[in-house]
Amino acid sequence: MTTKTSKSVASGMIQLKWVRSMICTPVKHRKVVKGLGFTRLNQVIQRPDTDAIRGMVKKIPHLVEIVK
């Protein structure tokens, strides 16, 4: 298991950034973005680093990115 070197990120948390618009995306992708808790473009949020969150990010890698 790797350890996180950044002190600003709490243990067991992941930072996500919404980088592309939801225009012309399927409804399922829109629901995943809203389910993650994004409200505006270029927003950075912190979520627990769980399998469920990782799975949601894996469904929309073209819309969000993991911030280091």
Protein backbone atom coordinates (compact mmCIF):
# COMPACT_ATOMS: atom_id res chain seq x y z
CA MET A 1 0.00 0.00 0.00
CA THR A 2 1.28 3.45 -0.85
CA THR A 3 1.34 6.34 1.57
CA LYS A 4 0.24 9.84 0.72
CA THR A 5 3.00 12.44 0.92
CA SER A 6 0.79 15.53 0.77
CA LYS A 7 0.02 16.96 4.21
CA SER A 8 -2.99 18.98 2.98
CA VAL A 9 -4.90 15.81 2.06
CA ALA A 10 -6.25 13.91 5.04
CA SER A 11 -5.59 10.21 5.35
CA GLY A 12 -8.11 8.20 3.36
CA MET A 13 -9.38 11.18 1.35
CA ILE A 14 -9.22 11.83 -2.38
CA GLN A 15 -9.41 15.21 -4.12
CA LEU A 16 -11.43 15.39 -7.33
CA LYS A 17 -11.72 18.20 -9.87
CA TRP A 18 -14.53 18.61 -12.40
CA VAL A 19 -12.76 19.62 -15.63
CA ARG A 20 -15.22 19.16 -18.53
CA SER A 21 -18.80 20.26 -19.05
CA MET A 22 -21.76 17.86 -18.98
CA ILE A 23 -23.21 19.28 -22.21
CA CYS A 24 -24.07 16.42 -24.62
CA THR A 25 -23.25 13.71 -22.08
CA PRO A 26 -25.60 10.82 -21.28
CA VAL A 27 -28.01 11.17 -18.37
CA LYS A 28 -26.13 8.47 -16.41
CA HIS A 29 -22.93 10.53 -16.56
CA ARG A 30 -24.78 13.62 -15.34
CA LYS A 31 -26.15 11.66 -12.38
CA VAL A 32 -22.67 10.41 -11.46
CA VAL A 33 -21.28 13.98 -11.47
CA LYS A 34 -24.15 15.18 -9.27
CA GLY A 35 -23.80 12.10 -7.06
CA LEU A 36 -20.18 12.98 -6.39
CA GLY A 37 -21.36 16.39 -5.17
CA PHE A 38 -20.11 18.72 -7.88
CA THR A 39 -22.06 21.95 -8.37
CA ARG A 40 -19.86 23.96 -10.76
CA LEU A 41 -17.10 23.47 -13.30
CA ASN A 42 -13.45 23.53 -12.08
CA GLN A 43 -14.61 22.78 -8.54
CA VAL A 44 -12.29 20.72 -6.33
CA ILE A 45 -13.91 18.51 -3.70
CA GLN A 46 -12.70 15.96 -1.16
CA ARG A 47 -14.34 12.58 -0.83
CA PRO A 48 -13.43 9.44 1.14
CA ASP A 49 -11.14 7.14 -0.83
CA THR A 50 -13.54 4.19 -1.07
CA ASP A 51 -14.27 1.66 -3.78
CA ALA A 52 -17.64 3.30 -4.47
CA ILE A 53 -16.09 6.73 -5.12
CA ARG A 54 -13.30 5.20 -7.22
CA GLY A 55 -15.94 3.36 -9.27
CA MET A 56 -17.87 6.57 -9.89
CA VAL A 57 -14.71 8.32 -11.04
CA LYS A 58 -13.89 5.37 -13.29
CA LYS A 59 -17.24 5.78 -15.07
CA ILE A 60 -16.50 9.41 -16.02
CA PRO A 61 -12.72 9.79 -16.41
CA HIS A 62 -13.25 12.23 -19.30
CA LEU A 63 -15.15 14.67 -17.03
CA VAL A 64 -13.21 14.57 -13.75
CA GLU A 65 -9.61 14.18 -12.66
CA ILE A 66 -7.89 13.19 -9.46
CA VAL A 67 -5.89 16.09 -8.02
CA LYS A 68 -2.61 15.11 -6.37
